[in-house]
Amino acid sequence: RLAPDGSEVRITMPAWAEGREAIAFAHSR
């Protein structure tokens, strides 16, 4: 999600997910 004011990209992730995967996901989108 993009914060309503555009100040940050927010990624909610499961406990088992890797941070680098989440960051790569954001960059791919």
Full PDB file with SEQRES, HELIX, SHEET, SSBOND, CRYST1, ORIGX, SCALE, CONECT and MASTER records, all heavy atoms in Angstrom:
SEQRES   1 A   29  ARG LEU ALA PRO ASP GLY SER GLU VAL ARG ILE THR MET          
SEQRES   2 A   29  PRO ALA TRP ALA GLU GLY ARG GLU ALA ILE ALA PHE ALA          
SEQRES   3 A   29  HIS SER ARG                                                  
HELIX    1 AA1 GLY A   19  SER A   28  1                                  10    
CRYST1    1.000    1.000    1.000  90.00  90.00  90.00 P 1           1          
ORIGX1      1.000000  0.000000  0.000000        0.00000                         
ORIGX2      0.000000  1.000000  0.000000        0.00000                         
ORIGX3      0.000000  0.000000  1.000000        0.00000                         
SCALE1      1.000000  0.000000  0.000000        0.00000                         
SCALE2      0.000000  1.000000  0.000000        0.00000                         
SCALE3      0.000000  0.000000  1.000000        0.00000                         
ATOM      1  N   ARG A   1       0.853  -1.200   0.000  1.00  0.00           N  
ATOM      2  CA  ARG A   1       0.000   0.000   0.000  1.00  0.00           C  
ATOM      3  C   ARG A   1       0.881   1.239   0.000  1.00  0.00           C  
ATOM      4  O   ARG A   1       1.980   1.234   0.545  1.00  0.00           O  
ATOM      5  CB  ARG A   1      -0.869   0.048   1.245  1.00  0.00           C  
ATOM      6  CG  ARG A   1      -1.959  -0.968   1.292  1.00  0.00           C  
ATOM      7  CD  ARG A   1      -2.858  -0.757   2.515  1.00  0.00           C  
ATOM      8  NE  ARG A   1      -3.918  -1.717   2.547  1.00  0.00           N  
ATOM      9  CZ  ARG A   1      -3.841  -2.904   3.140  1.00  0.00           C  
ATOM     10  NH1 ARG A   1      -2.737  -3.261   3.744  1.00  0.00           N  
ATOM     11  NH2 ARG A   1      -4.861  -3.731   3.133  1.00  0.00           N  
ATOM     12  N   LEU A   2       0.346   2.298  -0.553  1.00  0.00           N  
ATOM     13  CA  LEU A   2       0.971   3.610  -0.444  1.00  0.00           C  
ATOM     14  C   LEU A   2       0.231   4.346   0.670  1.00  0.00           C  
ATOM     15  O   LEU A   2      -1.005   4.306   0.726  1.00  0.00           O  
ATOM     16  CB  LEU A   2       0.830   4.374  -1.767  1.00  0.00           C  
ATOM     17  CG  LEU A   2       1.526   5.718  -1.862  1.00  0.00           C  
ATOM     18  CD1 LEU A   2       3.038   5.546  -1.762  1.00  0.00           C  
ATOM     19  CD2 LEU A   2       1.161   6.405  -3.169  1.00  0.00           C  
ATOM     20  N   ALA A   3       0.961   4.982   1.576  1.00  0.00           N  
ATOM     21  CA  ALA A   3       0.327   5.744   2.653  1.00  0.00           C  
ATOM     22  C   ALA A   3      -0.620   6.778   2.043  1.00  0.00           C  
ATOM     23  O   ALA A   3      -0.353   7.304   0.958  1.00  0.00           O  
ATOM     24  CB  ALA A   3       1.386   6.426   3.513  1.00  0.00           C  
ATOM     25  N   PRO A   4      -1.728   7.097   2.712  1.00  0.00           N  
ATOM     26  CA  PRO A   4      -2.702   8.043   2.156  1.00  0.00           C  
ATOM     27  C   PRO A   4      -2.103   9.392   1.775  1.00  0.00           C  
ATOM     28  O   PRO A   4      -2.579  10.041   0.851  1.00  0.00           O  
ATOM     29  CB  PRO A   4      -3.730   8.203   3.280  1.00  0.00           C  
ATOM     30  CG  PRO A   4      -3.623   6.955   4.075  1.00  0.00           C  
ATOM     31  CD  PRO A   4      -2.180   6.538   3.991  1.00  0.00           C  
ATOM     32  N   ASP A   5      -1.046   9.809   2.465  1.00  0.00           N  
ATOM     33  CA  ASP A   5      -0.411  11.081   2.123  1.00  0.00           C  
ATOM     34  C   ASP A   5       0.801  10.902   1.212  1.00  0.00           C  
ATOM     35  O   ASP A   5       1.486  11.866   0.890  1.00  0.00           O  
ATOM     36  CB  ASP A   5      -0.014  11.836   3.392  1.00  0.00           C  
ATOM     37  CG  ASP A   5       1.026  11.096   4.218  1.00  0.00           C  
ATOM     38  OD1 ASP A   5       1.392   9.954   3.862  1.00  0.00           O  
ATOM     39  OD2 ASP A   5       1.485  11.671   5.220  1.00  0.00           O  
ATOM     40  N   GLY A   6       1.088   9.665   0.805  1.00  0.00           N  
ATOM     41  CA  GLY A   6       2.204   9.398  -0.094  1.00  0.00           C  
ATOM     42  C   GLY A   6       3.567   9.433   0.568  1.00  0.00           C  
ATOM     43  O   GLY A   6       4.584   9.422  -0.114  1.00  0.00           O  
ATOM     44  N   SER A   7       3.593   9.440   1.889  1.00  0.00           N  
ATOM     45  CA  SER A   7       4.860   9.594   2.610  1.00  0.00           C  
ATOM     46  C   SER A   7       5.675   8.312   2.713  1.00  0.00           C  
ATOM     47  O   SER A   7       6.873   8.370   3.000  1.00  0.00           O  
ATOM     48  CB  SER A   7       4.592  10.130   4.017  1.00  0.00           C  
ATOM     49  OG  SER A   7       3.815   9.186   4.743  1.00  0.00           O  
ATOM     50  N   GLU A   8       5.042   7.148   2.489  1.00  0.00           N  
ATOM     51  CA  GLU A   8       5.777   5.891   2.600  1.00  0.00           C  
ATOM     52  C   GLU A   8       5.034   4.778   1.872  1.00  0.00           C  
ATOM     53  O   GLU A   8       3.833   4.860   1.629  1.00  0.00           O  
ATOM     54  CB  GLU A   8       5.981   5.491   4.065  1.00  0.00           C  
ATOM     55  CG  GLU A   8       4.703   5.240   4.827  1.00  0.00           C  
ATOM     56  CD  GLU A   8       4.908   5.066   6.325  1.00  0.00           C  
ATOM     57  OE1 GLU A   8       5.960   5.487   6.846  1.00  0.00           O  
ATOM     58  OE2 GLU A   8       4.013   4.506   6.971  1.00  0.00           O  
ATOM     59  N   VAL A   9       5.796   3.749   1.513  1.00  0.00           N  
ATOM     60  CA  VAL A   9       5.241   2.517   0.964  1.00  0.00           C  
ATOM     61  C   VAL A   9       5.163   1.544   2.131  1.00  0.00           C  
ATOM     62  O   VAL A   9       6.142   1.333   2.836  1.00  0.00           O  
ATOM     63  CB  VAL A   9       6.140   1.958  -0.155  1.00  0.00           C  
ATOM     64  CG1 VAL A   9       5.676   0.579  -0.579  1.00  0.00           C  
ATOM     65  CG2 VAL A   9       6.165   2.906  -1.341  1.00  0.00           C  
ATOM     66  N   ARG A  10       3.994   0.964   2.343  1.00  0.00           N  
ATOM     67  CA  ARG A  10       3.779   0.062   3.476  1.00  0.00           C  
ATOM     68  C   ARG A  10       3.590  -1.356   2.968  1.00  0.00           C  
ATOM     69  O   ARG A  10       2.740  -1.604   2.109  1.00  0.00           O  
ATOM     70  CB  ARG A  10       2.553   0.487   4.270  1.00  0.00           C  
ATOM     71  CG  ARG A  10       2.689   1.869   4.855  1.00  0.00           C  
ATOM     72  CD  ARG A  10       1.417   2.304   5.508  1.00  0.00           C  
ATOM     73  NE  ARG A  10       1.560   3.650   6.066  1.00  0.00           N  
ATOM     74  CZ  ARG A  10       0.565   4.370   6.510  1.00  0.00           C  
ATOM     75  NH1 ARG A  10      -0.672   3.882   6.490  1.00  0.00           N  
ATOM     76  NH2 ARG A  10       0.773   5.580   6.987  1.00  0.00           N  
ATOM     77  N   ILE A  11       4.366  -2.274   3.530  1.00  0.00           N  
ATOM     78  CA  ILE A  11       4.227  -3.681   3.179  1.00  0.00           C  
ATOM     79  C   ILE A  11       3.910  -4.451   4.453  1.00  0.00           C  
ATOM     80  O   ILE A  11       4.675  -4.411   5.416  1.00  0.00           O  
ATOM     81  CB  ILE A  11       5.495  -4.250   2.532  1.00  0.00           C  
ATOM     82  CG1 ILE A  11       5.837  -3.469   1.269  1.00  0.00           C  
ATOM     83  CG2 ILE A  11       5.303  -5.732   2.218  1.00  0.00           C  
ATOM     84  CD1 ILE A  11       7.108  -3.906   0.602  1.00  0.00           C  
ATOM     85  N   THR A  12       2.760  -5.116   4.459  1.00  0.00           N  
ATOM     86  CA  THR A  12       2.405  -6.016   5.550  1.00  0.00           C  
ATOM     87  C   THR A  12       2.804  -7.402   5.085  1.00  0.00           C  
ATOM     88  O   THR A  12       2.516  -7.792   3.956  1.00  0.00           O  
ATOM     89  CB  THR A  12       0.897  -5.955   5.829  1.00  0.00           C  
ATOM     90  OG1 THR A  12       0.545  -4.606   6.136  1.00  0.00           O  
ATOM     91  CG2 THR A  12       0.525  -6.853   6.995  1.00  0.00           C  
ATOM     92  N   MET A  13       3.491  -8.127   5.966  1.00  0.00           N  
ATOM     93  CA  MET A  13       4.018  -9.420   5.564  1.00  0.00           C  
ATOM     94  C   MET A  13       3.807 -10.470   6.640  1.00  0.00           C  
ATOM     95  O   MET A  13       3.755 -10.143   7.826  1.00  0.00           O  
ATOM     96  CB  MET A  13       5.496  -9.290   5.211  1.00  0.00           C  
ATOM     97  CG  MET A  13       6.336  -8.633   6.273  1.00  0.00           C  
ATOM     98  SD  MET A  13       7.980  -8.151   5.736  1.00  0.00           S  
ATOM     99  CE  MET A  13       8.780  -9.707   5.606  1.00  0.00           C  
ATOM    100  N   PRO A  14       3.681 -11.739   6.222  1.00  0.00           N  
ATOM    101  CA  PRO A  14       3.557 -12.820   7.198  1.00  0.00           C  
ATOM    102  C   PRO A  14       4.856 -12.977   7.984  1.00  0.00           C  
ATOM    103  O   PRO A  14       5.921 -12.539   7.544  1.00  0.00           O  
ATOM    104  CB  PRO A  14       3.299 -14.057   6.344  1.00  0.00           C  
ATOM    105  CG  PRO A  14       3.098 -13.601   4.954  1.00  0.00           C  
ATOM    106  CD  PRO A  14       3.603 -12.221   4.850  1.00  0.00           C  
ATOM    107  N   ALA A  15       4.784 -13.630   9.110  1.00  0.00           N  
ATOM    108  CA  ALA A  15       5.959 -13.838   9.954  1.00  0.00           C  
ATOM    109  C   ALA A  15       7.039 -14.637   9.231  1.00  0.00           C  
ATOM    110  O   ALA A  15       8.226 -14.428   9.466  1.00  0.00           O  
ATOM    111  CB  ALA A  15       5.555 -14.537  11.246  1.00  0.00           C  
ATOM    112  N   TRP A  16       6.652 -15.521   8.328  1.00  0.00           N  
ATOM    113  CA  TRP A  16       7.615 -16.389   7.658  1.00  0.00           C  
ATOM    114  C   TRP A  16       8.304 -15.739   6.463  1.00  0.00           C  
ATOM    115  O   TRP A  16       9.286 -16.252   5.954  1.00  0.00           O  
ATOM    116  CB  TRP A  16       6.947 -17.689   7.207  1.00  0.00           C  
ATOM    117  CG  TRP A  16       5.694 -17.472   6.412  1.00  0.00           C  
ATOM    118  CD1 TRP A  16       4.424 -17.518   6.886  1.00  0.00           C  
ATOM    119  CD2 TRP A  16       5.580 -17.155   5.022  1.00  0.00           C  
ATOM    120  NE1 TRP A  16       3.523 -17.255   5.891  1.00  0.00           N  
ATOM    121  CE2 TRP A  16       4.213 -17.035   4.728  1.00  0.00           C  
ATOM    122  CE3 TRP A  16       6.490 -16.966   3.998  1.00  0.00           C  
ATOM    123  CZ2 TRP A  16       3.744 -16.726   3.453  1.00  0.00           C  
ATOM    124  CZ3 TRP A  16       6.022 -16.665   2.727  1.00  0.00           C  
ATOM    125  CH2 TRP A  16       4.663 -16.551   2.471  1.00  0.00           C  
ATOM    126  N   ALA A  17       7.803 -14.593   5.988  1.00  0.00           N  
ATOM    127  CA  ALA A  17       8.349 -13.965   4.778  1.00  0.00           C  
ATOM    128  C   ALA A  17       9.696 -13.292   5.059  1.00  0.00           C  
ATOM    129  O   ALA A  17       9.968 -12.854   6.172  1.00  0.00           O  
ATOM    130  CB  ALA A  17       7.358 -12.944   4.232  1.00  0.00           C  
ATOM    131  N   GLU A  18      10.509 -13.205   4.037  1.00  0.00           N  
ATOM    132  CA  GLU A  18      11.824 -12.563   4.133  1.00  0.00           C  
ATOM    133  C   GLU A  18      11.705 -11.088   3.759  1.00  0.00           C  
ATOM    134  O   GLU A  18      10.999 -10.738   2.805  1.00  0.00           O  
ATOM    135  CB  GLU A  18      12.805 -13.247   3.186  1.00  0.00           C  
ATOM    136  CG  GLU A  18      12.983 -14.707   3.481  1.00  0.00           C  
ATOM    137  CD  GLU A  18      14.386 -15.018   3.941  1.00  0.00           C  
ATOM    138  OE1 GLU A  18      15.225 -14.118   3.963  1.00  0.00           O  
ATOM    139  OE2 GLU A  18      14.617 -16.185   4.279  1.00  0.00           O  
ATOM    140  N   GLY A  19      12.410 -10.246   4.488  1.00  0.00           N  
ATOM    141  CA  GLY A  19      12.390  -8.811   4.216  1.00  0.00           C  
ATOM    142  C   GLY A  19      12.865  -8.475   2.818  1.00  0.00           C  
ATOM    143  O   GLY A  19      12.297  -7.607   2.155  1.00  0.00           O  
ATOM    144  N   ARG A  20      13.895  -9.160   2.346  1.00  0.00           N  
ATOM    145  CA  ARG A  20      14.415  -8.862   1.006  1.00  0.00           C  
ATOM    146  C   ARG A  20      13.394  -9.194  -0.079  1.00  0.00           C  
ATOM    147  O   ARG A  20      13.340  -8.536  -1.109  1.00  0.00           O  
ATOM    148  CB  ARG A  20      15.752  -9.554   0.768  1.00  0.00           C  
ATOM    149  CG  ARG A  20      15.689 -11.048   0.705  1.00  0.00           C  
ATOM    150  CD  ARG A  20      17.077 -11.641   0.385  1.00  0.00           C  
ATOM    151  NE  ARG A  20      16.991 -13.069   0.253  1.00  0.00           N  
ATOM    152  CZ  ARG A  20      17.235 -13.920   1.234  1.00  0.00           C  
ATOM    153  NH1 ARG A  20      17.610 -13.476   2.410  1.00  0.00           N  
ATOM    154  NH2 ARG A  20      17.119 -15.215   1.034  1.00  0.00           N  
ATOM    155  N   GLU A  21      12.559 -10.216   0.156  1.00  0.00           N  
ATOM    156  CA  GLU A  21      11.494 -10.544  -0.794  1.00  0.00           C  
ATOM    157  C   GLU A  21      10.455  -9.429  -0.838  1.00  0.00           C  
ATOM    158  O   GLU A  21       9.959  -9.068  -1.908  1.00  0.00           O  
ATOM    159  CB  GLU A  21      10.806 -11.849  -0.403  1.00  0.00           C  
ATOM    160  CG  GLU A  21      11.645 -13.082  -0.545  1.00  0.00           C  
ATOM    161  CD  GLU A  21      10.928 -14.325  -0.035  1.00  0.00           C  
ATOM    162  OE1 GLU A  21       9.711 -14.269   0.197  1.00  0.00           O  
ATOM    163  OE2 GLU A  21      11.614 -15.341   0.139  1.00  0.00           O  
ATOM    164  N   ALA A  22      10.123  -8.899   0.321  1.00  0.00           N  
ATOM    165  CA  ALA A  22       9.135  -7.815   0.394  1.00  0.00           C  
ATOM    166  C   ALA A  22       9.665  -6.566  -0.316  1.00  0.00           C  
ATOM    167  O   ALA A  22       8.916  -5.895  -1.041  1.00  0.00           O  
ATOM    168  CB  ALA A  22       8.810  -7.512   1.845  1.00  0.00           C  
ATOM    169  N   ILE A  23      10.937  -6.257  -0.116  1.00  0.00           N  
ATOM    170  CA  ILE A  23      11.531  -5.088  -0.775  1.00  0.00           C  
ATOM    171  C   ILE A  23      11.566  -5.289  -2.287  1.00  0.00           C  
ATOM    172  O   ILE A  23      11.235  -4.378  -3.054  1.00  0.00           O  
ATOM    173  CB  ILE A  23      12.920  -4.804  -0.189  1.00  0.00           C  
ATOM    174  CG1 ILE A  23      12.763  -4.322   1.251  1.00  0.00           C  
ATOM    175  CG2 ILE A  23      13.665  -3.777  -1.028  1.00  0.00           C  
ATOM    176  CD1 ILE A  23      14.049  -4.270   2.033  1.00  0.00           C  
ATOM    177  N   ALA A  24      11.931  -6.478  -2.726  1.00  0.00           N  
ATOM    178  CA  ALA A  24      11.937  -6.779  -4.162  1.00  0.00           C  
ATOM    179  C   ALA A  24      10.528  -6.669  -4.738  1.00  0.00           C  
ATOM    180  O   ALA A  24      10.341  -6.174  -5.855  1.00  0.00           O  
ATOM    181  CB  ALA A  24      12.505  -8.177  -4.400  1.00  0.00           C  
ATOM    182  N   PHE A  25       9.526  -7.105  -3.973  1.00  0.00           N  
ATOM    183  CA  PHE A  25       8.123  -6.993  -4.387  1.00  0.00           C  
ATOM    184  C   PHE A  25       7.756  -5.525  -4.612  1.00  0.00           C  
ATOM    185  O   PHE A  25       7.146  -5.176  -5.622  1.00  0.00           O  
ATOM    186  CB  PHE A  25       7.240  -7.632  -3.318  1.00  0.00           C  
ATOM    187  CG  PHE A  25       5.769  -7.572  -3.589  1.00  0.00           C  
ATOM    188  CD1 PHE A  25       5.211  -8.168  -4.707  1.00  0.00           C  
ATOM    189  CD2 PHE A  25       4.919  -6.929  -2.699  1.00  0.00           C  
ATOM    190  CE1 PHE A  25       3.839  -8.125  -4.933  1.00  0.00           C  
ATOM    191  CE2 PHE A  25       3.556  -6.879  -2.926  1.00  0.00           C  
ATOM    192  CZ  PHE A  25       3.015  -7.480  -4.045  1.00  0.00           C  
ATOM    193  N   ALA A  26       8.132  -4.657  -3.688  1.00  0.00           N  
ATOM    194  CA  ALA A  26       7.837  -3.220  -3.832  1.00  0.00           C  
ATOM    195  C   ALA A  26       8.511  -2.652  -5.073  1.00  0.00           C  
ATOM    196  O   ALA A  26       7.888  -1.915  -5.845  1.00  0.00           O  
ATOM    197  CB  ALA A  26       8.273  -2.467  -2.589  1.00  0.00           C  
ATOM    198  N   HIS A  27       9.768  -2.990  -5.290  1.00  0.00           N  
ATOM    199  CA  HIS A  27      10.487  -2.477  -6.460  1.00  0.00           C  
ATOM    200  C   HIS A  27       9.886  -3.007  -7.762  1.00  0.00           C  
ATOM    201  O   HIS A  27       9.854  -2.277  -8.751  1.00  0.00           O  
ATOM    202  CB  HIS A  27      11.978  -2.807  -6.356  1.00  0.00           C  
ATOM    203  CG  HIS A  27      12.706  -1.948  -5.376  1.00  0.00           C  
ATOM    204  ND1 HIS A  27      13.096  -0.649  -5.656  1.00  0.00           N  
ATOM    205  CD2 HIS A  27      13.098  -2.181  -4.104  1.00  0.00           C  
ATOM    206  CE1 HIS A  27      13.700  -0.134  -4.608  1.00  0.00           C  
ATOM    207  NE2 HIS A  27      13.717  -1.042  -3.647  1.00  0.00           N  
ATOM    208  N   SER A  28       9.379  -4.234  -7.746  1.00  0.00           N  
ATOM    209  CA  SER A  28       8.768  -4.789  -8.955  1.00  0.00           C  
ATOM    210  C   SER A  28       7.439  -4.097  -9.284  1.00  0.00           C  
ATOM    211  O   SER A  28       6.984  -4.151 -10.426  1.00  0.00           O  
ATOM    212  CB  SER A  28       8.553  -6.295  -8.816  1.00  0.00           C  
ATOM    213  OG  SER A  28       7.497  -6.581  -7.916  1.00  0.00           O  
ATOM    214  N   ARG A  29       6.822  -3.469  -8.292  1.00  0.00           N  
ATOM    215  CA  ARG A  29       5.550  -2.758  -8.488  1.00  0.00           C  
ATOM    216  C   ARG A  29       5.759  -1.241  -8.487  1.00  0.00           C  
ATOM    217  O   ARG A  29       4.831  -0.476  -8.246  1.00  0.00           O  
ATOM    218  CB  ARG A  29       4.552  -3.112  -7.373  1.00  0.00           C  
ATOM    219  CG  ARG A  29       4.241  -4.584  -7.243  1.00  0.00           C  
ATOM    220  CD  ARG A  29       3.526  -5.116  -8.469  1.00  0.00           C  
ATOM    221  NE  ARG A  29       2.970  -6.442  -8.275  1.00  0.00           N  
ATOM    222  CZ  ARG A  29       3.608  -7.574  -8.513  1.00  0.00           C  
ATOM    223  NH1 ARG A  29       4.841  -7.551  -8.933  1.00  0.00           N  
ATOM    224  NH2 ARG A  29       3.019  -8.732  -8.337  1.00  0.00           N  
TER     225      ARG A  29                                                      
MASTER        0    0    0    1    0    0    0    6  224    1    0    3          
END                                                                             
